[in-house]
């Protein structure tokens, strides 16, 4: 179970590991963005150089909170809730935070109890 934390403005943050092509791991605090409905993860272009993830598709146009932007899609490897997964990652300019998209909620259970300070994200079994 991934334990998260609440930001000053009620944001939902989770620590995940990004695994570079050379297998080096980078721990990052990612913001769960339920408005990012088309993907699993979004990172800034400058972070890609350390990861070396291969390009899958270039220049996909998407609507963001700031209007339309273009993103490259790379094949990334991450560890979340102790599970290593390969996912498509949106990479773009001017991305202020590492963003976890709402697609995680198709395979994970989110539990939020803000009054008690409980925030968890857990892989759902296929029972």
N, C-alpha and C. Protein backbone atom coordinates (compact mmCIF):
# COMPACT_ATOMS: atom_id res chain seq x y z
N UNK A 1 0.85 -1.17 0.00
CA UNK A 1 0.00 0.00 0.00
C UNK A 1 0.89 1.23 0.00
N UNK A 2 0.64 2.14 -0.94
CA UNK A 2 1.38 3.40 -1.01
C UNK A 2 0.70 4.41 -0.09
N UNK A 3 1.45 4.93 0.84
CA UNK A 3 0.91 5.92 1.77
C UNK A 3 1.25 7.30 1.22
N UNK A 4 0.24 8.15 1.14
CA UNK A 4 0.43 9.48 0.60
C UNK A 4 0.39 10.54 1.67
N UNK A 5 0.47 11.77 1.22
CA UNK A 5 0.41 12.91 2.13
C UNK A 5 -0.43 14.01 1.49
N UNK A 6 -0.97 14.87 2.34
CA UNK A 6 -1.77 15.99 1.87
C UNK A 6 -0.90 17.23 1.77
N UNK A 7 -1.07 17.97 0.68
CA UNK A 7 -0.37 19.23 0.51
C UNK A 7 -1.06 20.34 1.27
N UNK A 8 -0.45 21.50 1.29
CA UNK A 8 -0.99 22.66 2.01
C UNK A 8 -2.38 23.07 1.52
N UNK A 9 -2.67 22.80 0.26
CA UNK A 9 -3.97 23.17 -0.31
C UNK A 9 -4.85 21.95 -0.56
N UNK A 10 -4.58 20.85 0.15
CA UNK A 10 -5.39 19.65 0.01
C UNK A 10 -4.97 18.73 -1.12
N UNK A 11 -3.85 19.01 -1.77
CA UNK A 11 -3.39 18.16 -2.85
C UNK A 11 -3.06 16.76 -2.31
N UNK A 12 -3.10 15.77 -3.20
CA UNK A 12 -2.79 14.39 -2.84
C UNK A 12 -1.45 14.02 -3.46
N UNK A 13 -0.46 13.74 -2.60
CA UNK A 13 0.89 13.41 -3.06
C UNK A 13 1.25 11.97 -2.69
N UNK A 14 1.92 11.30 -3.62
CA UNK A 14 2.44 9.96 -3.38
C UNK A 14 3.88 9.88 -3.85
N UNK A 15 4.71 9.16 -3.08
CA UNK A 15 6.09 8.95 -3.50
C UNK A 15 6.13 7.72 -4.40
N UNK A 16 6.73 7.91 -5.57
CA UNK A 16 6.93 6.81 -6.51
C UNK A 16 8.39 6.79 -6.93
N UNK A 17 8.81 5.70 -7.53
CA UNK A 17 10.18 5.60 -8.04
C UNK A 17 10.11 5.53 -9.57
N UNK A 18 10.93 6.35 -10.19
CA UNK A 18 11.11 6.31 -11.64
C UNK A 18 12.38 5.52 -11.90
N UNK A 19 12.32 4.55 -12.80
CA UNK A 19 13.48 3.70 -13.09
C UNK A 19 14.04 4.08 -14.46
N UNK A 20 15.27 4.56 -14.45
CA UNK A 20 15.93 4.97 -15.68
C UNK A 20 16.29 3.75 -16.53
N UNK A 21 16.60 4.01 -17.77
CA UNK A 21 17.00 2.95 -18.69
C UNK A 21 18.21 2.17 -18.17
N UNK A 22 19.10 2.86 -17.43
CA UNK A 22 20.28 2.21 -16.85
C UNK A 22 19.99 1.56 -15.49
N UNK A 23 18.70 1.47 -15.11
CA UNK A 23 18.18 0.86 -13.88
C UNK A 23 18.37 1.71 -12.62
N UNK A 24 18.90 2.91 -12.76
CA UNK A 24 18.99 3.82 -11.61
C UNK A 24 17.58 4.25 -11.21
N UNK A 25 17.31 4.31 -9.91
CA UNK A 25 15.99 4.68 -9.41
C UNK A 25 16.01 6.09 -8.84
N UNK A 26 14.95 6.84 -9.14
CA UNK A 26 14.78 8.19 -8.64
C UNK A 26 13.45 8.26 -7.90
N UNK A 27 13.48 8.61 -6.63
CA UNK A 27 12.24 8.80 -5.87
C UNK A 27 11.72 10.20 -6.12
N UNK A 28 10.45 10.29 -6.43
CA UNK A 28 9.82 11.60 -6.66
C UNK A 28 8.48 11.64 -5.95
N UNK A 29 8.08 12.84 -5.59
CA UNK A 29 6.76 13.06 -5.03
C UNK A 29 5.86 13.46 -6.19
N UNK A 30 4.82 12.65 -6.43
CA UNK A 30 3.93 12.89 -7.56
C UNK A 30 2.57 13.35 -7.06
N UNK A 31 2.01 14.30 -7.76
CA UNK A 31 0.70 14.85 -7.45
C UNK A 31 -0.36 14.04 -8.20
N UNK A 32 -1.33 13.48 -7.48
CA UNK A 32 -2.43 12.77 -8.12
C UNK A 32 -3.38 13.81 -8.69
N UNK A 33 -3.49 13.85 -10.01
CA UNK A 33 -4.29 14.84 -10.72
C UNK A 33 -5.45 14.13 -11.40
N UNK A 34 -6.63 14.14 -10.77
CA UNK A 34 -7.79 13.44 -11.32
C UNK A 34 -8.32 14.13 -12.58
N UNK A 35 -7.86 15.33 -12.86
CA UNK A 35 -8.22 15.99 -14.11
C UNK A 35 -7.39 15.51 -15.29
N UNK A 36 -6.28 14.83 -15.01
CA UNK A 36 -5.43 14.25 -16.05
C UNK A 36 -5.98 12.84 -16.33
N UNK A 37 -6.95 12.78 -17.21
CA UNK A 37 -7.71 11.55 -17.42
C UNK A 37 -7.18 10.65 -18.53
N UNK A 38 -6.21 11.14 -19.32
CA UNK A 38 -5.74 10.40 -20.49
C UNK A 38 -4.44 9.65 -20.26
N UNK A 39 -3.94 9.60 -19.04
CA UNK A 39 -2.64 8.96 -18.86
C UNK A 39 -2.37 8.53 -17.44
N UNK A 40 -1.21 7.89 -17.29
CA UNK A 40 -0.76 7.42 -15.99
C UNK A 40 0.20 8.40 -15.33
N UNK A 41 1.08 9.01 -16.13
CA UNK A 41 2.14 9.84 -15.56
C UNK A 41 2.52 10.92 -16.55
N UNK A 42 2.84 12.10 -16.02
CA UNK A 42 3.30 13.21 -16.85
C UNK A 42 4.50 13.84 -16.14
N UNK A 43 5.58 14.03 -16.90
CA UNK A 43 6.79 14.64 -16.36
C UNK A 43 7.25 15.76 -17.28
N UNK A 44 8.13 16.60 -16.76
CA UNK A 44 8.70 17.69 -17.53
C UNK A 44 9.80 17.15 -18.45
N UNK A 45 9.94 17.78 -19.59
CA UNK A 45 10.94 17.38 -20.59
C UNK A 45 12.35 17.32 -19.98
N UNK A 46 12.68 18.24 -19.10
CA UNK A 46 14.04 18.27 -18.53
C UNK A 46 14.33 17.03 -17.69
N UNK A 47 13.30 16.38 -17.12
CA UNK A 47 13.51 15.18 -16.32
C UNK A 47 13.81 13.96 -17.18
N UNK A 48 13.43 14.01 -18.44
CA UNK A 48 13.61 12.86 -19.33
C UNK A 48 15.08 12.53 -19.58
N UNK A 49 15.93 13.53 -19.61
CA UNK A 49 17.34 13.29 -19.94
C UNK A 49 18.00 12.34 -18.95
N UNK A 50 17.64 12.41 -17.68
CA UNK A 50 18.21 11.51 -16.67
C UNK A 50 17.64 10.10 -16.77
N UNK A 51 16.45 9.98 -17.34
CA UNK A 51 15.78 8.68 -17.39
C UNK A 51 16.08 7.89 -18.67
N UNK A 52 16.22 8.59 -19.78
CA UNK A 52 16.56 7.92 -21.04
C UNK A 52 15.46 7.01 -21.58
N UNK A 53 14.22 7.27 -21.23
CA UNK A 53 13.12 6.42 -21.68
C UNK A 53 12.90 6.57 -23.18
N UNK A 54 12.64 5.44 -23.87
CA UNK A 54 12.45 5.49 -25.32
C UNK A 54 11.14 6.16 -25.73
N UNK A 55 11.18 6.83 -26.87
CA UNK A 55 10.03 7.52 -27.43
C UNK A 55 9.08 6.51 -28.07
N UNK A 56 7.79 6.65 -27.79
CA UNK A 56 6.76 5.82 -28.44
C UNK A 56 6.03 6.61 -29.51
N UNK A 57 5.61 7.83 -29.19
CA UNK A 57 4.85 8.69 -30.09
C UNK A 57 5.21 10.13 -29.82
N UNK A 58 5.27 10.92 -30.88
CA UNK A 58 5.63 12.33 -30.65
C UNK A 58 4.49 13.27 -30.98
N UNK A 59 4.50 14.39 -30.28
CA UNK A 59 3.64 15.54 -30.53
C UNK A 59 2.15 15.22 -30.51
N UNK A 60 1.70 14.62 -29.41
CA UNK A 60 0.27 14.38 -29.19
C UNK A 60 -0.31 15.65 -28.56
N UNK A 61 -1.39 16.16 -29.12
CA UNK A 61 -2.01 17.35 -28.56
C UNK A 61 -3.04 16.95 -27.52
N UNK A 62 -2.99 17.63 -26.36
CA UNK A 62 -3.93 17.36 -25.27
C UNK A 62 -4.42 18.66 -24.68
N UNK A 63 -5.63 18.62 -24.16
CA UNK A 63 -6.16 19.76 -23.42
C UNK A 63 -5.63 19.69 -21.99
N UNK A 64 -5.11 20.79 -21.48
CA UNK A 64 -4.65 20.89 -20.10
C UNK A 64 -5.41 22.03 -19.42
N UNK A 65 -5.14 22.22 -18.15
CA UNK A 65 -5.78 23.32 -17.43
C UNK A 65 -5.40 24.68 -18.02
N UNK A 66 -4.28 24.73 -18.72
CA UNK A 66 -3.81 25.99 -19.31
C UNK A 66 -4.07 26.07 -20.81
N UNK A 67 -4.93 25.21 -21.33
CA UNK A 67 -5.22 25.20 -22.77
C UNK A 67 -4.65 23.95 -23.42
N UNK A 68 -4.40 24.01 -24.71
CA UNK A 68 -3.87 22.85 -25.42
C UNK A 68 -2.35 22.87 -25.40
N UNK A 69 -1.76 21.69 -25.21
CA UNK A 69 -0.30 21.53 -25.21
C UNK A 69 0.05 20.26 -25.98
N UNK A 70 1.30 20.18 -26.40
CA UNK A 70 1.79 18.99 -27.10
C UNK A 70 2.71 18.20 -26.17
N UNK A 71 2.58 16.89 -26.25
CA UNK A 71 3.37 15.98 -25.42
C UNK A 71 3.95 14.87 -26.27
N UNK A 72 5.14 14.42 -25.90
CA UNK A 72 5.70 13.19 -26.44
C UNK A 72 5.35 12.08 -25.47
N UNK A 73 5.11 10.89 -25.99
CA UNK A 73 4.81 9.74 -25.15
C UNK A 73 6.03 8.82 -25.15
N UNK A 74 6.54 8.54 -23.96
CA UNK A 74 7.71 7.67 -23.80
C UNK A 74 7.31 6.43 -23.01
N UNK A 75 8.06 5.36 -23.20
CA UNK A 75 7.85 4.15 -22.41
C UNK A 75 8.66 4.27 -21.13
N UNK A 76 7.96 4.35 -20.00
CA UNK A 76 8.64 4.54 -18.72
C UNK A 76 8.41 3.36 -17.79
N UNK A 77 9.31 3.23 -16.86
CA UNK A 77 9.19 2.18 -15.85
C UNK A 77 9.15 2.85 -14.48
N UNK A 78 8.13 2.48 -13.68
CA UNK A 78 7.96 3.07 -12.36
C UNK A 78 7.68 1.97 -11.34
N UNK A 79 7.91 2.32 -10.08
CA UNK A 79 7.50 1.46 -8.98
C UNK A 79 6.48 2.24 -8.17
N UNK A 80 5.31 1.61 -8.00
CA UNK A 80 4.24 2.20 -7.21
C UNK A 80 3.61 1.09 -6.39
N UNK A 81 3.40 1.34 -5.12
CA UNK A 81 2.85 0.33 -4.20
C UNK A 81 3.68 -0.95 -4.26
N UNK A 82 5.00 -0.80 -4.40
CA UNK A 82 5.90 -1.94 -4.41
C UNK A 82 5.89 -2.75 -5.70
N UNK A 83 5.13 -2.31 -6.68
CA UNK A 83 5.00 -3.03 -7.94
C UNK A 83 5.68 -2.26 -9.06
N UNK A 84 6.53 -2.94 -9.81
CA UNK A 84 7.20 -2.33 -10.96
C UNK A 84 6.32 -2.50 -12.19
N UNK A 85 6.06 -1.40 -12.89
CA UNK A 85 5.22 -1.44 -14.08
C UNK A 85 5.83 -0.60 -15.19
N UNK A 86 5.55 -1.00 -16.42
CA UNK A 86 5.93 -0.23 -17.60
C UNK A 86 4.67 0.45 -18.12
N UNK A 87 4.76 1.77 -18.29
CA UNK A 87 3.59 2.56 -18.67
C UNK A 87 3.98 3.60 -19.72
N UNK A 88 2.99 4.08 -20.48
CA UNK A 88 3.25 5.23 -21.34
C UNK A 88 3.29 6.49 -20.46
N UNK A 89 4.27 7.34 -20.71
CA UNK A 89 4.47 8.55 -19.91
C UNK A 89 4.41 9.78 -20.82
N UNK A 90 3.55 10.72 -20.45
CA UNK A 90 3.46 11.99 -21.17
C UNK A 90 4.63 12.87 -20.73
N UNK A 91 5.35 13.42 -21.70
CA UNK A 91 6.50 14.28 -21.42
C UNK A 91 6.28 15.59 -22.15
N UNK A 92 6.32 16.69 -21.40
CA UNK A 92 6.07 17.99 -22.01
C UNK A 92 6.82 19.11 -21.33
N UNK A 93 6.79 20.25 -21.99
CA UNK A 93 7.42 21.45 -21.44
C UNK A 93 6.48 22.10 -20.43
N UNK A 94 7.05 22.82 -19.50
CA UNK A 94 6.28 23.60 -18.52
C UNK A 94 5.35 22.75 -17.67
N UNK A 95 5.75 21.52 -17.36
CA UNK A 95 4.99 20.67 -16.43
C UNK A 95 5.59 20.95 -15.05
N UNK A 96 4.86 21.64 -14.16
CA UNK A 96 5.45 22.08 -12.90
C UNK A 96 5.68 20.96 -11.88
N UNK A 97 4.89 19.90 -11.93
CA UNK A 97 5.01 18.79 -10.98
C UNK A 97 4.98 17.48 -11.75
N UNK A 98 5.52 16.44 -11.13
CA UNK A 98 5.29 15.10 -11.66
C UNK A 98 3.84 14.77 -11.34
N UNK A 99 3.07 14.42 -12.37
CA UNK A 99 1.64 14.20 -12.22
C UNK A 99 1.28 12.73 -12.41
N UNK A 100 0.51 12.20 -11.48
CA UNK A 100 -0.07 10.87 -11.64
C UNK A 100 -1.48 11.08 -12.19
N UNK A 101 -1.80 10.39 -13.29
CA UNK A 101 -3.09 10.55 -13.91
C UNK A 101 -4.17 9.65 -13.32
N UNK A 102 -5.39 9.94 -13.70
CA UNK A 102 -6.55 9.21 -13.20
C UNK A 102 -6.59 7.76 -13.68
N UNK A 103 -5.82 7.39 -14.70
CA UNK A 103 -5.82 5.99 -15.15
C UNK A 103 -5.35 5.03 -14.05
N UNK A 104 -4.59 5.54 -13.07
CA UNK A 104 -4.19 4.69 -11.94
C UNK A 104 -5.42 4.18 -11.19
N UNK A 105 -6.50 4.96 -11.21
CA UNK A 105 -7.69 4.57 -10.47
C UNK A 105 -8.45 3.43 -11.14
N UNK A 106 -8.04 3.05 -12.35
CA UNK A 106 -8.60 1.85 -13.01
C UNK A 106 -7.98 0.57 -12.46
N UNK A 107 -6.80 0.68 -11.86
CA UNK A 107 -6.09 -0.51 -11.37
C UNK A 107 -5.73 -0.43 -9.89
N UNK A 108 -6.03 0.71 -9.27
CA UNK A 108 -5.69 0.91 -7.87
C UNK A 108 -6.88 1.49 -7.12
N UNK A 109 -6.91 1.24 -5.83
CA UNK A 109 -7.94 1.77 -4.95
C UNK A 109 -7.38 2.95 -4.18
N UNK A 110 -8.09 4.06 -4.22
CA UNK A 110 -7.70 5.26 -3.49
C UNK A 110 -8.56 5.37 -2.25
N UNK A 111 -7.92 5.50 -1.09
CA UNK A 111 -8.64 5.69 0.16
C UNK A 111 -8.22 7.04 0.74
N UNK A 112 -9.21 7.91 0.94
CA UNK A 112 -8.94 9.24 1.47
C UNK A 112 -9.83 9.47 2.69
N UNK A 113 -9.20 9.75 3.81
CA UNK A 113 -9.91 10.17 5.02
C UNK A 113 -9.12 11.34 5.57
N UNK A 114 -9.38 12.50 5.04
CA UNK A 114 -8.60 13.68 5.39
C UNK A 114 -8.68 14.04 6.87
N UNK A 115 -9.87 13.96 7.52
CA UNK A 115 -9.91 14.29 8.95
C UNK A 115 -8.96 13.43 9.79
N UNK A 116 -8.76 12.17 9.38
CA UNK A 116 -7.86 11.29 10.12
C UNK A 116 -6.45 11.26 9.53
N UNK A 117 -6.23 12.00 8.45
CA UNK A 117 -4.91 12.05 7.83
C UNK A 117 -4.53 10.78 7.10
N UNK A 118 -5.54 10.04 6.62
CA UNK A 118 -5.29 8.77 5.92
C UNK A 118 -5.39 8.99 4.41
N UNK A 119 -4.32 8.62 3.71
CA UNK A 119 -4.29 8.70 2.25
C UNK A 119 -3.49 7.52 1.75
N UNK A 120 -4.15 6.59 1.06
CA UNK A 120 -3.45 5.40 0.55
C UNK A 120 -3.89 5.10 -0.87
N UNK A 121 -3.01 4.43 -1.58
CA UNK A 121 -3.26 3.97 -2.94
C UNK A 121 -2.75 2.54 -2.99
N UNK A 122 -3.61 1.62 -3.40
CA UNK A 122 -3.28 0.20 -3.31
C UNK A 122 -3.72 -0.53 -4.57
N UNK A 123 -2.86 -1.41 -5.07
CA UNK A 123 -3.20 -2.23 -6.24
C UNK A 123 -4.39 -3.10 -5.91
N UNK A 124 -5.37 -3.13 -6.83
CA UNK A 124 -6.58 -3.94 -6.65
C UNK A 124 -6.32 -5.33 -7.20
N UNK A 125 -6.67 -6.35 -6.43
CA UNK A 125 -6.55 -7.73 -6.91
C UNK A 125 -7.58 -8.00 -7.98
N UNK A 126 -7.27 -8.92 -8.89
CA UNK A 126 -8.16 -9.26 -10.00
C UNK A 126 -9.19 -10.31 -9.63
N UNK A 127 -9.55 -10.44 -8.37
CA UNK A 127 -10.48 -11.49 -7.94
C UNK A 127 -11.72 -11.48 -8.71
